[in-house]
Protein backbone atom coordinates (compact mmCIF):
# COMPACT_ATOMS: atom_id res chain seq x y z
CA UNK A 1 34.75 45.85 200.68
CA UNK A 2 34.88 42.90 203.84
CA UNK A 3 36.47 44.16 206.94
CA UNK A 4 37.24 42.20 209.88
CA UNK A 5 37.97 44.64 212.70
CA UNK A 6 39.14 42.85 216.58
CA UNK A 7 39.39 44.34 219.70
CA UNK A 8 39.54 44.19 223.67
CA UNK A 9 42.97 42.78 223.42
CA UNK A 10 45.14 43.99 226.04
CA UNK A 11 47.09 43.08 229.63
CA UNK A 12 45.83 41.32 232.33
CA UNK A 13 47.38 39.12 235.16
CA UNK A 14 46.71 35.24 235.24
CA UNK A 15 43.38 34.42 236.64
CA UNK A 16 42.04 37.69 234.87
CA UNK A 17 39.37 37.99 232.53
CA UNK A 18 39.56 39.69 229.11
CA UNK A 19 36.37 39.98 226.14
CA UNK A 20 37.84 40.08 222.65
CA UNK A 21 35.22 41.40 219.85
CA UNK A 22 34.89 41.11 216.62
CA UNK A 23 33.08 43.69 214.27
CA UNK A 24 32.08 42.35 210.43
CA UNK A 25 31.51 45.44 207.88
CA UNK A 26 30.86 44.36 203.97
CA UNK A 27 29.52 41.00 204.74
CA UNK A 28 26.34 39.50 205.13
CA UNK A 29 27.13 38.31 208.46
CA UNK A 30 24.14 36.19 209.45
CA UNK A 31 24.68 32.09 208.42
CA UNK A 32 28.93 32.94 208.12
CA UNK A 33 31.13 29.94 209.74
CA UNK A 34 33.55 31.74 211.87
CA UNK A 35 36.16 31.42 213.81
CA UNK A 36 39.30 32.21 216.31
CA UNK A 37 42.39 31.67 215.70
CA UNK A 38 45.74 32.67 218.30
CA UNK A 39 49.21 32.93 217.45
CA UNK A 40 52.69 33.01 219.87
CA UNK A 41 55.36 34.06 219.37
CA UNK A 42 57.88 31.78 216.99
CA UNK A 43 54.37 29.47 216.47
CA UNK A 44 52.29 28.91 214.71
CA UNK A 45 48.37 30.42 214.20
CA UNK A 46 45.92 27.95 216.53
CA UNK A 47 42.29 27.72 216.06
CA UNK A 48 41.00 29.12 219.55
CA UNK A 49 37.35 27.95 218.20
CA UNK A 50 34.82 28.09 215.40
CA UNK A 51 31.17 28.41 215.23
CA UNK A 52 29.61 27.02 212.49
CA UNK A 53 26.91 28.87 209.76
CA UNK A 54 24.12 27.25 212.29
CA UNK A 55 25.26 28.00 215.30
CA UNK A 56 27.02 24.87 216.30
CA UNK A 57 30.91 25.99 218.42
CA UNK A 58 33.88 24.23 218.97
CA UNK A 59 36.58 24.55 221.49
CA UNK A 60 39.99 23.58 221.36
CA UNK A 61 40.76 21.91 224.39
CA UNK A 62 43.28 24.00 225.68
CA UNK A 63 40.60 26.78 226.00
CA UNK A 64 37.51 24.37 227.15
CA UNK A 65 35.83 25.88 229.75
CA UNK A 66 37.47 28.93 230.22
CA UNK A 67 36.42 30.70 226.78
CA UNK A 68 33.20 31.30 225.27
CA UNK A 69 32.36 32.03 221.85
CA UNK A 70 29.26 34.08 220.78
CA UNK A 71 27.93 35.95 218.02
CA UNK A 72 25.50 38.67 217.57
CA UNK A 73 23.92 38.28 213.61
CA UNK A 74 22.15 42.10 214.68
CA UNK A 75 25.03 44.07 214.96
CA UNK A 76 28.06 41.85 212.96
CA UNK A 77 30.27 41.12 215.92
CA UNK A 78 31.39 38.06 217.33
CA UNK A 79 32.88 37.88 221.00
CA UNK A 80 35.29 35.88 222.64
CA UNK A 81 35.07 35.98 226.70
CA UNK A 82 38.39 34.43 228.29
CA UNK A 83 38.72 34.12 231.83
CA UNK A 84 40.65 32.15 234.64
CA UNK A 85 43.85 33.10 231.80
CA UNK A 86 46.66 31.88 232.14
CA UNK A 87 50.35 32.82 230.70
CA UNK A 88 50.10 29.91 228.00
CA UNK A 89 47.18 32.07 226.32
CA UNK A 90 49.21 35.08 225.43
CA UNK A 91 49.27 35.52 221.80
CA UNK A 92 47.92 38.22 218.62
CA UNK A 93 44.16 36.42 218.38
CA UNK A 94 42.57 36.87 215.34
CA UNK A 95 39.20 37.05 214.20
CA UNK A 96 39.02 34.75 210.76
CA UNK A 97 35.50 34.50 208.45
CA UNK A 98 34.98 32.05 205.67
CA UNK A 99 32.98 33.37 202.86
CA UNK A 100 32.49 31.86 199.66
CA UNK A 101 34.30 33.95 197.52
CA UNK A 102 37.34 32.83 200.56
CA UNK A 103 38.64 33.49 203.80
CA UNK A 104 39.24 37.13 205.41
CA UNK A 105 41.22 37.94 208.42
CA UNK A 106 41.40 40.29 210.71
CA UNK A 107 44.45 42.15 211.87
CA UNK A 108 45.02 40.81 215.00
CA UNK A 109 44.28 41.94 218.59
CA UNK A 110 47.51 41.47 221.43
CA UNK A 111 46.63 39.69 224.24
CA UNK A 112 49.34 39.56 226.83
CA UNK A 113 48.78 37.29 230.49
CA UNK A 114 51.48 38.53 232.89
CA UNK A 115 51.94 39.33 236.28
């Protein structure tokens, strides 16, 4: 059974940092294309950062230079380090895995940036 579980969200002041984690189970993690998405209230879910199977990483323009995606294949985890957070980063953040049998999503973790 494929399962993706996000953690690390919370309330942070503008300019602060958070580190999100996505733990995967039921899959062979190494070589998978994975991504972080976010969805703000009333808006569509959008790509934040993605990593290809061979390790190439892309970021949305809005987070370049502030967010860093990383993965640890030995632990089946993917992380998103978020620095210099802004109120517009407030959203539910989702982990996504692209498997041969389909696309899987985690349940999401709320990130709120507010003073």
